[in-house]
PDB file of N, CA and C in Angstrom:
ATOM      1  N   MET A   1      -5.079   9.338 -18.838  1.00  0.00           N
ATOM      2  CA  MET A   1      -5.556   7.969 -18.717  1.00  0.00           C
ATOM      3  C   MET A   1      -5.601   7.309 -20.097  1.00  0.00           C
ATOM      4  N   ARG A   2      -5.959   8.072 -21.166  1.00  0.00           N
ATOM      5  CA  ARG A   2      -6.008   7.495 -22.505  1.00  0.00           C
ATOM      6  C   ARG A   2      -4.647   6.936 -22.904  1.00  0.00           C
ATOM      7  N   ARG A   3      -3.577   7.668 -22.595  1.00  0.00           N
ATOM      8  CA  ARG A   3      -2.236   7.182 -22.939  1.00  0.00           C
ATOM      9  C   ARG A   3      -1.909   5.905 -22.179  1.00  0.00           C
ATOM     10  N   GLN A   4      -2.275   5.853 -20.915  1.00  0.00           N
ATOM     11  CA  GLN A   4      -2.010   4.657 -20.114  1.00  0.00           C
ATOM     12  C   GLN A   4      -2.723   3.430 -20.689  1.00  0.00           C
ATOM     13  N   LEU A   5      -3.894   3.651 -21.245  1.00  0.00           N
ATOM     14  CA  LEU A   5      -4.674   2.544 -21.802  1.00  0.00           C
ATOM     15  C   LEU A   5      -4.354   2.281 -23.275  1.00  0.00           C
ATOM     16  N   GLY A   6      -3.540   3.137 -23.882  1.00  0.00           N
ATOM     17  CA  GLY A   6      -3.196   2.970 -25.288  1.00  0.00           C
ATOM     18  C   GLY A   6      -4.325   3.341 -26.222  1.00  0.00           C
ATOM     19  N   ILE A   7      -5.156   4.276 -25.800  1.00  0.00           N
ATOM     20  CA  ILE A   7      -6.298   4.701 -26.606  1.00  0.00           C
ATOM     21  C   ILE A   7      -5.929   5.991 -27.321  1.00  0.00           C
ATOM     22  N   GLY A   8      -5.904   5.948 -28.653  1.00  0.00           N
ATOM     23  CA  GLY A   8      -5.556   7.114 -29.441  1.00  0.00           C
ATOM     24  C   GLY A   8      -6.786   7.812 -29.984  1.00  0.00           C
ATOM     25  N   ASP A   9      -6.554   8.922 -30.705  1.00  0.00           N
ATOM     26  CA  ASP A   9      -7.650   9.643 -31.344  1.00  0.00           C
ATOM     27  C   ASP A   9      -8.326   8.729 -32.352  1.00  0.00           C
ATOM     28  N   GLY A  10      -9.628   8.740 -32.378  1.00  0.00           N
ATOM     29  CA  GLY A  10     -10.379   7.938 -33.341  1.00  0.00           C
ATOM     30  C   GLY A  10     -10.586   6.496 -32.926  1.00  0.00           C
ATOM     31  N   THR A  11     -10.037   6.085 -31.807  1.00  0.00           N
ATOM     32  CA  THR A  11     -10.235   4.711 -31.342  1.00  0.00           C
ATOM     33  C   THR A  11     -11.696   4.514 -30.968  1.00  0.00           C
ATOM     34  N   GLN A  12     -12.284   3.439 -31.466  1.00  0.00           N
ATOM     35  CA  GLN A  12     -13.674   3.147 -31.142  1.00  0.00           C
ATOM     36  C   GLN A  12     -13.712   2.013 -30.126  1.00  0.00           C
ATOM     37  N   LEU A  13     -14.526   2.207 -29.129  1.00  0.00           N
ATOM     38  CA  LEU A  13     -14.602   1.244 -28.031  1.00  0.00           C
ATOM     39  C   LEU A  13     -16.030   0.777 -27.814  1.00  0.00           C
ATOM     40  N   GLU A  14     -16.153  -0.454 -27.361  1.00  0.00           N
ATOM     41  CA  GLU A  14     -17.430  -0.982 -26.899  1.00  0.00           C
ATOM     42  C   GLU A  14     -17.403  -0.857 -25.379  1.00  0.00           C
ATOM     43  N   VAL A  15     -18.410  -0.224 -24.825  1.00  0.00           N
ATOM     44  CA  VAL A  15     -18.457   0.014 -23.380  1.00  0.00           C
ATOM     45  C   VAL A  15     -19.596  -0.800 -22.788  1.00  0.00           C
ATOM     46  N   THR A  16     -19.270  -1.578 -21.745  1.00  0.00           N
ATOM     47  CA  THR A  16     -20.310  -2.319 -21.028  1.00  0.00           C
ATOM     48  C   THR A  16     -20.181  -2.015 -19.543  1.00  0.00           C
ATOM     49  N   VAL A  17     -21.311  -1.978 -18.884  1.00  0.00           N
ATOM     50  CA  VAL A  17     -21.333  -1.759 -17.439  1.00  0.00           C
ATOM     51  C   VAL A  17     -22.086  -2.926 -16.824  1.00  0.00           C
ATOM     52  N   GLN A  18     -21.415  -3.582 -15.872  1.00  0.00           N
ATOM     53  CA  GLN A  18     -22.037  -4.718 -15.202  1.00  0.00           C
ATOM     54  C   GLN A  18     -21.549  -4.745 -13.757  1.00  0.00           C
ATOM     55  N   ASP A  19     -22.456  -4.813 -12.844  1.00  0.00           N
ATOM     56  CA  ASP A  19     -22.120  -4.852 -11.414  1.00  0.00           C
ATOM     57  C   ASP A  19     -21.183  -3.700 -11.032  1.00  0.00           C
ATOM     58  N   HIS A  20     -21.523  -2.488 -11.437  1.00  0.00           N
ATOM     59  CA  HIS A  20     -20.748  -1.276 -11.117  1.00  0.00           C
ATOM     60  C   HIS A  20     -19.335  -1.307 -11.677  1.00  0.00           C
ATOM     61  N   GLU A  21     -19.103  -2.119 -12.698  1.00  0.00           N
ATOM     62  CA  GLU A  21     -17.788  -2.211 -13.321  1.00  0.00           C
ATOM     63  C   GLU A  21     -17.914  -1.828 -14.796  1.00  0.00           C
ATOM     64  N   VAL A  22     -17.051  -0.946 -15.244  1.00  0.00           N
ATOM     65  CA  VAL A  22     -17.050  -0.503 -16.633  1.00  0.00           C
ATOM     66  C   VAL A  22     -15.963  -1.273 -17.377  1.00  0.00           C
ATOM     67  N   THR A  23     -16.332  -1.859 -18.508  1.00  0.00           N
ATOM     68  CA  THR A  23     -15.387  -2.596 -19.335  1.00  0.00           C
ATOM     69  C   THR A  23     -15.304  -1.922 -20.694  1.00  0.00           C
ATOM     70  N   LEU A  24     -14.073  -1.646 -21.136  1.00  0.00           N
ATOM     71  CA  LEU A  24     -13.828  -1.070 -22.453  1.00  0.00           C
ATOM     72  C   LEU A  24     -13.153  -2.121 -23.318  1.00  0.00           C
ATOM     73  N   ARG A  25     -13.699  -2.334 -24.515  1.00  0.00           N
ATOM     74  CA  ARG A  25     -13.094  -3.272 -25.464  1.00  0.00           C
ATOM     75  C   ARG A  25     -12.966  -2.582 -26.805  1.00  0.00           C
ATOM     76  N   PRO A  26     -11.877  -2.857 -27.541  1.00  0.00           N
ATOM     77  CA  PRO A  26     -11.759  -2.286 -28.881  1.00  0.00           C
ATOM     78  C   PRO A  26     -12.930  -2.761 -29.744  1.00  0.00           C
ATOM     79  N   ALA A  27     -13.473  -1.864 -30.547  1.00  0.00           N
ATOM     80  CA  ALA A  27     -14.598  -2.201 -31.415  1.00  0.00           C
ATOM     81  C   ALA A  27     -14.171  -2.038 -32.867  1.00  0.00           C
ATOM     82  N   THR A  28     -14.631  -2.939 -33.695  1.00  0.00           N
ATOM     83  CA  THR A  28     -14.397  -2.847 -35.125  1.00  0.00           C
ATOM     84  C   THR A  28     -15.726  -2.535 -35.781  1.00  0.00           C
ATOM     85  N   VAL A  29     -15.749  -1.480 -36.553  1.00  0.00           N
ATOM     86  CA  VAL A  29     -16.976  -1.085 -37.228  1.00  0.00           C
ATOM     87  C   VAL A  29     -16.895  -1.525 -38.680  1.00  0.00           C
ATOM     88  N   ILE A  30     -17.912  -2.240 -39.117  1.00  0.00           N
ATOM     89  CA  ILE A  30     -17.991  -2.696 -40.502  1.00  0.00           C
ATOM     90  C   ILE A  30     -19.055  -1.850 -41.195  1.00  0.00           C
ATOM     91  N   THR A  31     -18.658  -1.196 -42.282  1.00  0.00           N
ATOM     92  CA  THR A  31     -19.606  -0.342 -42.987  1.00  0.00           C
ATOM     93  C   THR A  31     -20.712  -1.185 -43.617  1.00  0.00           C
ATOM     94  N   ALA A  32     -21.850  -0.562 -43.861  1.00  0.00           N
ATOM     95  CA  ALA A  32     -22.998  -1.265 -44.440  1.00  0.00           C
ATOM     96  C   ALA A  32     -22.649  -1.870 -45.799  1.00  0.00           C
ATOM     97  N   GLU A  33     -21.849  -1.153 -46.586  1.00  0.00           N
ATOM     98  CA  GLU A  33     -21.517  -1.670 -47.918  1.00  0.00           C
ATOM     99  C   GLU A  33     -20.589  -2.880 -47.864  1.00  0.00           C
ATOM    100  N   ASP A  34     -19.892  -3.104 -46.758  1.00  0.00           N
ATOM    101  CA  ASP A  34     -19.003  -4.257 -46.615  1.00  0.00           C
ATOM    102  C   ASP A  34     -19.612  -5.381 -45.784  1.00  0.00           C
ATOM    103  N   ARG A  35     -20.776  -5.141 -45.196  1.00  0.00           N
ATOM    104  CA  ARG A  35     -21.373  -6.116 -44.285  1.00  0.00           C
ATOM    105  C   ARG A  35     -21.706  -7.439 -44.971  1.00  0.00           C
ATOM    106  N   TRP A  36     -21.987  -7.403 -46.282  1.00  0.00           N
ATOM    107  CA  TRP A  36     -22.331  -8.636 -47.016  1.00  0.00           C
ATOM    108  C   TRP A  36     -21.212  -9.669 -46.930  1.00  0.00           C
ATOM    109  N   ALA A  37     -19.963  -9.210 -46.847  1.00  0.00           N
ATOM    110  CA  ALA A  37     -18.822 -10.126 -46.871  1.00  0.00           C
ATOM    111  C   ALA A  37     -18.765 -11.006 -45.623  1.00  0.00           C
ATOM    112  N   TYR A  38     -19.480 -10.632 -44.590  1.00  0.00           N
ATOM    113  CA  TYR A  38     -19.453 -11.392 -43.338  1.00  0.00           C
ATOM    114  C   TYR A  38     -20.702 -12.232 -43.150  1.00  0.00           C
ATOM    115  N   ALA A  39     -21.566 -12.253 -44.154  1.00  0.00           N
ATOM    116  CA  ALA A  39     -22.768 -13.092 -44.097  1.00  0.00           C
ATOM    117  C   ALA A  39     -22.358 -14.554 -44.245  1.00  0.00           C
ATOM    118  N   PRO A  40     -23.082 -15.460 -43.628  1.00  0.00           N
ATOM    119  CA  PRO A  40     -22.736 -16.886 -43.714  1.00  0.00           C
ATOM    120  C   PRO A  40     -22.615 -17.388 -45.157  1.00  0.00           C
ATOM    121  N   GLU A  41     -23.466 -16.884 -46.058  1.00  0.00           N
ATOM    122  CA  GLU A  41     -23.423 -17.331 -47.458  1.00  0.00           C
ATOM    123  C   GLU A  41     -22.106 -16.909 -48.106  1.00  0.00           C
ATOM    124  N   ALA A  42     -21.649 -15.703 -47.836  1.00  0.00           N
ATOM    125  CA  ALA A  42     -20.402 -15.209 -48.424  1.00  0.00           C
ATOM    126  C   ALA A  42     -19.204 -15.986 -47.882  1.00  0.00           C
ATOM    127  N   ILE A  43     -19.216 -16.281 -46.612  1.00  0.00           N
ATOM    128  CA  ILE A  43     -18.125 -17.040 -45.999  1.00  0.00           C
ATOM    129  C   ILE A  43     -18.090 -18.463 -46.564  1.00  0.00           C
ATOM    130  N   ALA A  44     -19.267 -19.080 -46.747  1.00  0.00           N
ATOM    131  CA  ALA A  44     -19.328 -20.427 -47.319  1.00  0.00           C
ATOM    132  C   ALA A  44     -18.811 -20.415 -48.756  1.00  0.00           C
ATOM    133  N   SER A  45     -19.153 -19.390 -49.515  1.00  0.00           N
ATOM    134  CA  SER A  45     -18.678 -19.277 -50.893  1.00  0.00           C
ATOM    135  C   SER A  45     -17.159 -19.157 -50.942  1.00  0.00           C
ATOM    136  N   LEU A  46     -16.606 -18.380 -50.039  1.00  0.00           N
ATOM    137  CA  LEU A  46     -15.157 -18.221 -49.972  1.00  0.00           C
ATOM    138  C   LEU A  46     -14.477 -19.546 -49.613  1.00  0.00           C
ATOM    139  N   LYS A  47     -15.056 -20.289 -48.694  1.00  0.00           N
ATOM    140  CA  LYS A  47     -14.491 -21.590 -48.325  1.00  0.00           C
ATOM    141  C   LYS A  47     -14.509 -22.548 -49.507  1.00  0.00           C
ATOM    142  N   ARG A  48     -15.604 -22.530 -50.299  1.00  0.00           N
ATOM    143  CA  ARG A  48     -15.668 -23.383 -51.485  1.00  0.00           C
ATOM    144  C   ARG A  48     -14.594 -22.975 -52.494  1.00  0.00           C
ATOM    145  N   ALA A  49     -14.404 -21.668 -52.670  1.00  0.00           N
ATOM    146  CA  ALA A  49     -13.397 -21.179 -53.613  1.00  0.00           C
ATOM    147  C   ALA A  49     -11.994 -21.600 -53.176  1.00  0.00           C
ATOM    148  N   LEU A  50     -11.719 -21.496 -51.892  1.00  0.00           N
ATOM    149  CA  LEU A  50     -10.405 -21.904 -51.392  1.00  0.00           C
ATOM    150  C   LEU A  50     -10.200 -23.409 -51.537  1.00  0.00           C
ATOM    151  N   ALA A  51     -11.261 -24.187 -51.376  1.00  0.00           N
ATOM    152  CA  ALA A  51     -11.169 -25.635 -51.584  1.00  0.00           C
ATOM    153  C   ALA A  51     -10.872 -25.934 -53.053  1.00  0.00           C
ATOM    154  N   ASP A  52     -11.462 -25.151 -53.972  1.00  0.00           N
ATOM    155  CA  ASP A  52     -11.170 -25.323 -55.399  1.00  0.00           C
ATOM    156  C   ASP A  52      -9.697 -25.055 -55.690  1.00  0.00           C
ATOM    157  N   VAL A  53      -9.149 -24.023 -55.069  1.00  0.00           N
ATOM    158  CA  VAL A  53      -7.727 -23.710 -55.254  1.00  0.00           C
ATOM    159  C   VAL A  53      -6.882 -24.877 -54.760  1.00  0.00           C
ATOM    160  N   LYS A  54      -7.202 -25.363 -53.570  1.00  0.00           N
ATOM    161  CA  LYS A  54      -6.440 -26.464 -52.980  1.00  0.00           C
ATOM    162  C   LYS A  54      -6.532 -27.738 -53.829  1.00  0.00           C
ATOM    163  N   ALA A  55      -7.690 -27.954 -54.457  1.00  0.00           N
ATOM    164  CA  ALA A  55      -7.895 -29.150 -55.273  1.00  0.00           C
ATOM    165  C   ALA A  55      -7.288 -29.017 -56.675  1.00  0.00           C
ATOM    166  N   GLY A  56      -6.773 -27.838 -56.991  1.00  0.00           N
ATOM    167  CA  GLY A  56      -6.142 -27.657 -58.299  1.00  0.00           C
ATOM    168  C   GLY A  56      -7.097 -27.272 -59.406  1.00  0.00           C
ATOM    169  N   TYR A  57      -8.295 -26.824 -59.069  1.00  0.00           N
ATOM    170  CA  TYR A  57      -9.278 -26.432 -60.074  1.00  0.00           C
ATOM    171  C   TYR A  57      -9.066 -25.012 -60.590  1.00  0.00           C
ATOM    172  N   VAL A  58      -8.104 -24.307 -60.049  1.00  0.00           N
ATOM    173  CA  VAL A  58      -7.879 -22.912 -60.405  1.00  0.00           C
ATOM    174  C   VAL A  58      -6.592 -22.804 -61.215  1.00  0.00           C
ATOM    175  N   PHE A  59      -6.606 -22.000 -62.254  1.00  0.00           N
ATOM    176  CA  PHE A  59      -5.420 -21.814 -63.075  1.00  0.00           C
ATOM    177  C   PHE A  59      -5.373 -20.375 -63.555  1.00  0.00           C
ATOM    178  N   GLN A  60      -4.191 -19.940 -63.964  1.00  0.00           N
ATOM    179  CA  GLN A  60      -4.019 -18.584 -64.470  1.00  0.00           C
ATOM    180  C   GLN A  60      -3.928 -18.620 -65.980  1.00  0.00           C
ATOM    181  N   LEU A  61      -4.479 -17.582 -66.617  1.00  0.00           N
ATOM    182  CA  LEU A  61      -4.303 -17.419 -68.042  1.00  0.00           C
ATOM    183  C   LEU A  61      -4.374 -15.951 -68.402  1.00  0.00           C
ATOM    184  N   THR A  62      -3.813 -15.648 -69.534  1.00  0.00           N
ATOM    185  CA  THR A  62      -3.804 -14.259 -69.974  1.00  0.00           C
ATOM    186  C   THR A  62      -5.143 -13.933 -70.627  1.00  0.00           C
ATOM    187  N   GLU A  63      -5.373 -12.658 -70.845  1.00  0.00           N
ATOM    188  CA  GLU A  63      -6.595 -12.243 -71.515  1.00  0.00           C
ATOM    189  C   GLU A  63      -6.645 -12.818 -72.935  1.00  0.00           C
ATOM    190  N   GLY A  64      -5.476 -12.844 -73.600  1.00  0.00           N
ATOM    191  CA  GLY A  64      -5.412 -13.409 -74.940  1.00  0.00           C
ATOM    192  C   GLY A  64      -5.783 -14.879 -74.968  1.00  0.00           C
ATOM    193  N   GLU A  65      -5.281 -15.646 -74.010  1.00  0.00           N
ATOM    194  CA  GLU A  65      -5.616 -17.071 -73.931  1.00  0.00           C
ATOM    195  C   GLU A  65      -7.116 -17.258 -73.697  1.00  0.00           C
ATOM    196  N   LEU A  66      -7.669 -16.420 -72.859  1.00  0.00           N
ATOM    197  CA  LEU A  66      -9.100 -16.504 -72.571  1.00  0.00           C
ATOM    198  C   LEU A  66      -9.910 -16.198 -73.821  1.00  0.00           C
ATOM    199  N   LEU A  67      -9.546 -15.137 -74.541  1.00  0.00           N
ATOM    200  CA  LEU A  67     -10.277 -14.756 -75.748  1.00  0.00           C
ATOM    201  C   LEU A  67     -10.165 -15.803 -76.850  1.00  0.00           C
ATOM    202  N   LYS A  68      -9.026 -16.488 -76.915  1.00  0.00           N
ATOM    203  CA  LYS A  68      -8.825 -17.530 -77.925  1.00  0.00           C
ATOM    204  C   LYS A  68      -9.400 -18.870 -77.496  1.00  0.00           C
ATOM    205  N   GLY A  69      -9.848 -18.969 -76.264  1.00  0.00           N
ATOM    206  CA  GLY A  69     -10.391 -20.235 -75.764  1.00  0.00           C
ATOM    207  C   GLY A  69      -9.315 -21.248 -75.442  1.00  0.00           C
ATOM    208  N   LYS A  70      -8.080 -20.782 -75.269  1.00  0.00           N
ATOM    209  CA  LYS A  70      -6.958 -21.683 -74.962  1.00  0.00           C
ATOM    210  C   LYS A  70      -6.767 -21.776 -73.455  1.00  0.00           C
ATOM    211  N   TYR A  71      -7.572 -22.585 -72.856  1.00  0.00           N
ATOM    212  CA  TYR A  71      -7.429 -22.797 -71.425  1.00  0.00           C
ATOM    213  C   TYR A  71      -7.747 -24.254 -71.119  1.00  0.00           C
ATOM    214  N   PRO A  72      -7.162 -24.786 -70.060  1.00  0.00           N
ATOM    215  CA  PRO A  72      -7.393 -26.197 -69.733  1.00  0.00           C
ATOM    216  C   PRO A  72      -8.837 -26.440 -69.308  1.00  0.00           C
ATOM    217  N   LYS A  73      -9.352 -27.547 -69.705  1.00  0.00           N
ATOM    218  CA  LYS A  73     -10.694 -27.941 -69.266  1.00  0.00           C
ATOM    219  C   LYS A  73     -10.546 -28.649 -67.933  1.00  0.00           C
ATOM    220  N   ARG A  74     -11.306 -28.235 -66.974  1.00  0.00           N
ATOM    221  CA  ARG A  74     -11.144 -28.860 -65.665  1.00  0.00           C
ATOM    222  C   ARG A  74     -11.973 -30.119 -65.553  1.00  0.00           C
ATOM    223  N   ALA A  75     -11.497 -31.004 -64.742  1.00  0.00           N
ATOM    224  CA  ALA A  75     -12.220 -32.247 -64.477  1.00  0.00           C
ATOM    225  C   ALA A  75     -13.471 -31.902 -63.679  1.00  0.00           C
ATOM    226  N   PRO A  76     -14.530 -32.660 -63.861  1.00  0.00           N
ATOM    227  CA  PRO A  76     -15.751 -32.385 -63.081  1.00  0.00           C
ATOM    228  C   PRO A  76     -15.493 -32.604 -61.595  1.00  0.00           C
ATOM    229  N   ARG A  77     -16.222 -31.903 -60.791  1.00  0.00           N
ATOM    230  CA  ARG A  77     -16.114 -32.097 -59.342  1.00  0.00           C
ATOM    231  C   ARG A  77     -16.531 -33.519 -58.994  1.00  0.00           C
ATOM    232  N   LYS A  78     -16.003 -34.006 -57.908  1.00  0.00           N
ATOM    233  CA  LYS A  78     -16.281 -35.387 -57.503  1.00  0.00           C
ATOM    234  C   LYS A  78     -17.770 -35.616 -57.281  1.00  0.00           C
ATOM    235  N   ALA A  79     -18.452 -34.668 -56.672  1.00  0.00           N
ATOM    236  CA  ALA A  79     -19.887 -34.825 -56.411  1.00  0.00           C
ATOM    237  C   ALA A  79     -20.647 -34.903 -57.731  1.00  0.00           C
ATOM    238  N   ALA A  80     -20.266 -34.094 -58.714  1.00  0.00           N
ATOM    239  CA  ALA A  80     -20.927 -34.116 -60.025  1.00  0.00           C
ATOM    240  C   ALA A  80     -20.648 -35.435 -60.726  1.00  0.00           C
ATOM    241  N   ALA A  81     -19.440 -35.922 -60.607  1.00  0.00           N
ATOM    242  CA  ALA A  81     -19.085 -37.199 -61.245  1.00  0.00           C
ATOM    243  C   ALA A  81     -19.890 -38.340 -60.619  1.00  0.00           C
ATOM    244  N   ARG A  82     -20.080 -38.317 -59.315  1.00  0.00           N
ATOM    245  CA  ARG A  82     -20.862 -39.355 -58.646  1.00  0.00           C
ATOM    246  C   ARG A  82     -22.325 -39.306 -59.107  1.00  0.00           C
ATOM    247  N   ARG A  83     -22.875 -38.096 -59.238  1.00  0.00           N
ATOM    248  CA  ARG A  83     -24.263 -37.956 -59.686  1.00  0.00           C
ATOM    249  C   ARG A  83     -24.427 -38.470 -61.117  1.00  0.00           C
ATOM    250  N   ALA A  84     -23.436 -38.242 -61.946  1.00  0.00           N
ATOM    251  CA  ALA A  84     -23.511 -38.671 -63.356  1.00  0.00           C
ATOM    252  C   ALA A  84     -23.507 -40.192 -63.464  1.00  0.00           C
ATOM    253  N   LYS A  85     -22.893 -40.899 -62.535  1.00  0.00           N
ATOM    254  CA  LYS A  85     -22.806 -42.368 -62.574  1.00  0.00           C
ATOM    255  C   LYS A  85     -24.131 -43.024 -62.179  1.00  0.00           C
ATOM    256  N   ARG A  86     -24.982 -42.303 -61.508  1.00  0.00           N
ATOM    257  CA  ARG A  86     -26.232 -42.909 -61.007  1.00  0.00           C
ATOM    258  C   ARG A  86     -27.184 -43.228 -62.110  1.00  0.00           C
TER     259      ARG A  86
END
């Protein structure tokens, strides 16, 4: 039956029983040390970082450029610029 269902060794399943019916669903286990990455705060931070990339606020530089301070100065974020005008 495992072969018919495509269930291999080590496959983890979520099992539910409702109205005399058993349902098997693939389960993904997230280790405790990785659970932080799925917290709402971490996801929001990632979205902000991706928005920075899209807006052009991200650039590459070598370690030498970083140590010499030779890197472009980024423009202030729009929200910061609006606050400064007040």
